[in-house]
Protein backbone atom coordinates (compact mmCIF):
# COMPACT_ATOMS: atom_id res chain seq x y z
CA MET A 1 100.89 118.61 139.36
CA GLY A 2 103.66 116.20 140.47
CA ASP A 3 107.10 115.83 142.05
CA TYR A 4 110.63 115.83 140.52
CA ALA A 5 112.86 113.38 142.42
CA ILE A 6 116.34 114.90 143.07
CA GLY A 7 117.74 111.97 144.94
CA GLY A 8 119.80 111.71 148.07
CA ASN A 9 118.56 113.33 151.20
CA GLN A 10 117.14 116.28 149.38
CA GLU A 11 113.39 116.79 149.12
CA ASP A 12 111.66 116.34 145.85
CA LEU A 13 110.77 119.48 143.89
CA GLU A 14 107.08 120.09 143.56
CA ILE A 15 105.97 120.92 140.02
CA ARG A 16 102.74 122.79 139.34
CA LEU A 17 101.52 123.23 135.72
CA SER A 18 98.91 125.67 134.48
CA THR A 19 98.06 127.04 137.91
CA ALA A 20 98.76 130.72 137.17
CA TRP A 21 95.46 131.41 135.49
CA ALA A 22 93.18 133.58 137.57
CA SER A 23 90.08 131.82 136.22
CA ARG A 24 91.31 128.43 137.53
CA ASN A 25 91.69 129.56 141.16
CA GLY A 26 94.85 127.45 141.57
CA ARG A 27 93.49 124.38 139.83
CA VAL A 28 95.29 122.58 137.10
CA GLY A 29 94.13 123.48 133.62
CA GLY A 30 94.52 125.91 130.73
CA PRO A 31 93.16 129.37 130.24
CA THR A 32 89.32 129.73 130.28
CA ARG A 33 88.98 133.41 129.27
CA ARG A 34 89.82 135.16 126.03
CA ASP A 35 92.22 137.63 127.68
CA GLU A 36 94.11 134.80 129.31
CA LEU A 37 94.41 132.96 126.04
CA LEU A 38 95.74 136.07 124.27
CA ALA A 39 98.27 136.52 127.10
CA VAL A 40 100.06 133.22 126.19
CA ARG A 41 103.56 133.78 124.82
CA PHE A 42 105.20 131.77 122.00
CA PHE A 43 108.92 131.39 121.23
CA THR A 44 109.98 132.05 117.62
CA ASN A 45 112.28 129.78 115.70
CA ASN A 46 114.89 132.46 115.21
CA SER A 47 118.21 132.31 116.81
CA ASP A 48 117.36 135.16 119.16
CA ARG A 49 114.40 133.10 120.47
CA LYS A 50 112.11 136.14 120.73
CA VAL A 51 108.77 135.86 122.51
CA ILE A 52 105.58 136.97 120.72
CA PRO A 53 102.02 137.14 122.20
CA ALA A 54 99.27 134.85 121.03
CA GLY A 55 97.28 137.78 119.73
CA ALA A 56 99.86 138.31 117.00
CA VAL A 57 99.32 134.93 115.44
CA VAL A 58 95.76 133.96 116.54
CA ASP A 59 92.51 135.32 115.34
CA THR A 60 89.94 134.75 118.13
CA VAL A 61 86.36 133.80 117.12
CA GLN A 62 83.75 133.39 119.71
CA ALA A 63 81.50 130.34 119.10
CA GLU A 64 79.80 127.42 120.78
CA ALA A 65 81.74 124.16 121.17
CA PRO A 66 81.00 120.92 123.01
CA LEU A 67 82.51 120.52 126.48
CA LEU A 68 83.48 116.99 125.67
CA VAL A 69 84.14 115.33 122.32
CA THR A 70 83.06 111.72 122.37
CA ARG A 71 84.72 109.17 120.03
CA ARG A 72 83.20 106.00 118.76
CA GLY A 73 85.15 103.61 116.63
CA GLY A 74 87.84 106.29 116.18
CA GLN A 75 85.28 108.86 114.85
CA ARG A 76 84.40 112.11 116.57
CA THR A 77 80.65 112.06 117.36
CA ALA A 78 77.94 114.32 118.64
CA THR A 79 74.82 112.85 120.24
CA VAL A 80 71.35 114.32 119.87
CA LEU A 81 68.78 112.96 122.32
CA ALA A 82 65.00 113.07 121.92
CA LYS A 83 61.97 111.48 123.45
CA ASN A 84 58.93 110.23 121.55
CA GLU A 85 55.36 110.64 122.71
CA ASN A 86 52.23 109.13 121.15
CA ARG A 87 54.28 107.87 118.21
CA THR A 88 56.30 104.74 117.55
CA VAL A 89 59.99 104.82 116.60
CA GLY A 90 59.20 103.53 113.16
CA GLU A 91 56.80 106.39 112.49
CA ILE A 92 59.35 108.98 113.60
CA LEU A 93 62.17 107.50 111.54
CA ALA A 94 59.88 107.42 108.51
CA ASP A 95 59.50 111.20 108.70
CA LEU A 96 63.00 111.96 109.87
CA GLU A 97 65.23 109.88 107.66
CA PRO A 98 64.18 111.50 104.32
CA LYS A 99 64.99 114.91 105.75
CA LEU A 100 68.39 113.78 107.05
CA GLN A 101 69.18 112.27 103.67
CA GLU A 102 68.37 115.57 102.05
CA MET A 103 70.56 117.47 104.61
CA LYS A 104 73.43 115.02 104.13
CA ARG A 105 73.85 116.17 100.49
CA SER A 106 75.10 119.53 101.72
CA TRP A 107 77.46 118.08 104.35
CA SER A 108 81.24 117.97 103.86
CA GLN A 109 82.85 114.68 103.06
CA GLY A 110 83.38 112.47 106.08
CA TYR A 111 80.21 113.44 107.90
CA ASN A 112 77.53 110.81 108.52
CA TYR A 113 74.75 109.90 110.98
CA SER A 114 73.43 106.82 112.64
CA PHE A 115 70.49 106.00 114.88
CA GLY A 116 70.98 104.68 118.42
CA GLY A 117 69.00 104.29 121.57
CA GLU A 118 65.71 102.54 121.14
CA THR A 119 66.27 102.18 117.38
CA ALA A 120 69.57 100.29 117.95
CA ASP A 121 68.03 98.20 120.73
CA GLN A 122 65.10 97.38 118.43
CA ALA A 123 67.38 96.26 115.59
CA GLU A 124 69.24 94.00 117.99
CA THR A 125 66.04 92.58 119.34
CA PHE A 126 64.69 91.93 115.90
CA GLY A 127 67.88 90.04 115.09
CA SER A 128 67.42 87.82 118.17
CA ALA A 129 63.73 87.28 117.32
CA GLY A 130 64.69 86.38 113.76
CA GLN A 131 66.95 83.71 115.08
CA ALA A 132 64.15 82.45 117.28
CA LEU A 133 61.82 82.24 114.31
CA GLY A 134 64.32 80.26 112.33
CA ILE A 135 64.80 77.83 115.23
CA ALA A 136 60.99 77.46 115.64
CA VAL A 137 60.53 76.60 111.97
CA PHE A 138 63.37 74.06 112.07
CA LEU A 139 61.97 72.37 115.23
CA VAL A 140 58.50 72.17 113.69
CA PHE A 141 60.02 70.63 110.53
CA ALA A 142 62.03 68.11 112.61
CA VAL A 143 58.97 67.02 114.58
CA LEU A 144 56.93 66.62 111.47
CA VAL A 145 59.58 64.46 109.82
CA LEU A 146 59.64 62.16 112.83
CA GLN A 147 55.85 62.04 113.09
CA LEU A 148 55.01 61.58 109.36
CA GLY A 149 58.03 59.56 108.32
CA SER A 150 58.42 61.70 105.24
CA PHE A 151 60.46 64.64 104.04
CA ARG A 152 57.92 65.87 101.42
CA GLN A 153 54.84 66.18 103.54
CA PRO A 154 56.53 68.51 106.16
CA PHE A 155 57.23 70.89 103.34
CA ILE A 156 53.55 70.79 102.29
CA ILE A 157 52.64 71.65 105.91
CA LEU A 158 55.22 74.41 106.28
CA LEU A 159 53.88 76.14 103.17
CA ALA A 160 51.09 77.33 105.32
CA ILE A 161 53.53 79.71 106.96
CA PRO A 162 54.11 81.99 103.89
CA PHE A 163 50.36 82.15 103.43
CA ALA A 164 50.04 83.37 106.99
CA LEU A 165 52.78 85.98 106.48
CA ILE A 166 50.99 87.24 103.40
CA GLY A 167 47.89 87.78 105.54
CA THR A 168 49.80 89.46 108.32
CA VAL A 169 51.68 91.90 106.06
CA GLY A 170 48.58 92.61 103.95
CA GLY A 171 46.40 93.15 106.97
CA PHE A 172 48.93 95.54 108.56
CA PHE A 173 49.23 97.50 105.36
CA LEU A 174 45.45 97.83 104.83
CA VAL A 175 44.73 98.80 108.46
CA GLY A 176 47.88 101.00 108.73
CA ILE A 177 49.39 99.21 111.82
CA PRO A 178 53.21 99.81 112.17
CA PHE A 179 55.24 96.61 112.37
CA SER A 180 56.69 96.52 115.86
CA PHE A 181 58.55 93.99 118.08
CA THR A 182 55.31 92.81 119.55
CA ALA A 183 54.05 92.13 116.09
CA PHE A 184 57.12 90.05 115.41
CA ILE A 185 56.43 88.03 118.53
CA GLY A 186 52.95 87.43 117.12
CA VAL A 187 54.46 86.18 113.92
CA ILE A 188 56.58 83.71 115.83
CA ALA A 189 53.47 82.41 117.76
CA LEU A 190 51.66 82.30 114.39
CA VAL A 191 54.10 79.71 113.09
CA GLY A 192 53.07 77.17 115.61
CA ILE A 193 49.37 77.94 115.12
CA VAL A 194 48.94 77.87 111.39
CA VAL A 195 50.58 74.48 110.90
CA ASN A 196 48.00 72.81 113.08
CA ASP A 197 45.28 72.95 110.41
CA ALA A 198 47.67 71.58 107.77
CA ILE A 199 48.77 68.80 110.10
CA VAL A 200 45.17 67.74 110.76
CA MET A 201 44.32 67.70 107.07
CA VAL A 202 47.50 65.85 105.95
CA ASP A 203 47.15 63.24 108.75
CA THR A 204 43.56 62.54 107.80
CA MET A 205 44.47 62.18 104.11
CA ASN A 206 47.21 59.76 105.12
CA SER A 207 44.78 57.67 107.10
CA TYR A 208 42.39 57.45 104.17
CA GLN A 209 45.17 56.51 101.75
CA GLN A 210 46.31 53.73 104.13
CA ASP A 211 42.73 52.42 104.14
CA GLY A 212 43.09 51.82 100.44
CA MET A 213 41.92 55.06 98.84
CA LYS A 214 43.74 56.61 95.93
CA VAL A 215 45.68 59.75 96.54
CA LYS A 216 43.13 61.95 94.74
CA GLN A 217 40.21 60.54 96.65
CA ALA A 218 42.12 60.67 99.97
CA ALA A 219 43.00 64.34 99.36
CA ALA A 220 39.43 65.31 98.56
CA ARG A 221 37.88 63.30 101.43
CA GLY A 222 40.43 64.55 103.99
CA ALA A 223 39.86 68.21 103.10
CA ALA A 224 36.10 67.77 103.18
CA ASP A 225 36.07 65.97 106.54
CA ARG A 226 38.45 68.48 108.18
CA LEU A 227 36.69 71.56 106.82
CA ARG A 228 34.41 72.14 109.82
CA PRO A 229 37.10 71.44 112.50
CA VAL A 230 39.62 73.66 110.82
CA LEU A 231 37.19 76.60 110.43
CA THR A 232 35.89 76.09 113.95
CA THR A 233 39.31 76.19 115.59
CA SER A 234 40.45 79.20 113.53
CA ILE A 235 37.31 81.18 114.25
CA THR A 236 37.34 80.50 117.96
CA THR A 237 41.05 81.48 118.12
CA ILE A 238 40.29 84.77 116.32
CA ILE A 239 37.30 85.57 118.47
CA GLY A 240 39.38 84.91 121.60
CA LEU A 241 42.11 87.31 120.48
CA ILE A 242 39.76 90.23 119.50
CA PRO A 243 39.04 91.38 123.04
CA LEU A 244 42.71 91.29 123.95
CA ALA A 245 43.60 93.32 120.85
CA PHE A 246 41.29 96.08 121.83
CA SER A 247 42.02 96.00 125.55
CA ASP A 248 45.58 97.35 125.43
CA PRO A 249 47.57 99.04 122.63
CA THR A 250 50.64 97.01 123.62
CA TRP A 251 48.99 93.75 122.71
CA MET A 252 47.23 94.96 119.59
CA PRO A 253 50.06 94.37 117.11
CA LEU A 254 50.61 90.89 118.47
CA CYS A 255 47.00 89.87 118.31
CA SER A 256 46.55 91.52 114.88
CA ALA A 257 49.52 89.59 113.46
CA ILE A 258 47.93 86.26 114.55
CA ILE A 259 44.40 87.24 113.45
CA PHE A 260 45.36 88.39 109.95
CA GLY A 261 47.74 85.53 109.42
CA LEU A 262 45.29 82.92 110.65
CA LEU A 263 42.57 84.25 108.37
CA ALA A 264 44.76 84.05 105.24
CA ALA A 265 46.34 80.75 106.19
CA THR A 266 43.01 79.05 106.93
CA LEU A 267 41.30 80.16 103.76
CA ILE A 268 44.28 79.48 101.45
CA ALA A 269 45.31 76.25 103.10
CA LEU A 270 41.89 74.64 102.52
CA VAL A 271 42.53 74.91 98.77
CA VAL A 272 46.29 74.69 98.44
CA ILE A 273 47.11 71.89 100.97
CA PRO A 274 45.03 69.23 99.18
CA CYS A 275 46.54 70.25 95.80
CA LEU A 276 50.05 70.02 97.12
CA TYR A 277 49.24 66.72 98.80
CA LEU A 278 48.03 65.39 95.47
CA LEU A 279 51.23 66.55 93.70
CA PHE A 280 53.87 65.50 96.15
CA THR A 281 52.49 62.35 97.82
CA PRO A 282 53.67 59.05 96.27
CA LYS A 283 50.91 57.08 94.55
CA THR A 284 51.07 54.15 96.96
CA GLU A 285 48.39 52.43 99.02
CA ASN A 286 50.58 52.07 102.10
CA LEU A 287 52.53 55.13 103.16
CA ASP A 288 54.23 53.30 105.97
CA SER A 289 56.14 51.16 103.44
CA GLU A 290 57.98 54.01 101.84
CA LEU A 291 60.07 56.81 103.36
CA THR A 292 60.14 59.57 100.86
């Protein structure tokens, strides 16, 4: 609907389009019934400009069609919504994706699918959490370099992190816990916890070496002296997290990530950290005199 300006003192002509359809009740729009669609007339390309009805050139097929076609990135899309109950998104996708892959083999070329909603939000959140984990590891490494005055010993301490991740992944696999965002937060917290035991052992070994002990003796004596404090702190941390893990399903993945990771890191670090200290520490009596 609009106006056609004539100019001068004459009033503009009012133009109404597609208002003759009875189903529209005077509103702008095209035909909404089959009989109205078949009543449309087309002009031929002949010189006589004859008019032919739509029924002569159109085969009508009644079918369902979306009221609105949504486009994303230039592609026509259809959205299917669903709600999950008593199951995580990861569990649902694990069952759904193989079936979609099988169905996709019979689709025509150009058709595809993607997951949105909570799945897309979760992927974005995991990306942000991954960046936070990288920043946390870098900050821990920077603090250790400033504290120990060495670039080798921080690497020895940070090797406790892969041991912890082995424990977390193995524990989740054995128990059957799905890896969720709260579990990833637990992994980030685990980074700051597991390095504590390694820091205590390495600092004690350094103090013994500064007192005149050889590297081998300092490593053995430091690991033996720190055995009880390391085990005590790890056990008390695990015991404190167990009630929280069973109190609420929301916190269970987070606590489980810390518990499994701390178990593995503590047991492995007591053996591996002294060996790495013996391999990578310079054979000097005074560590303060050399920056490695």
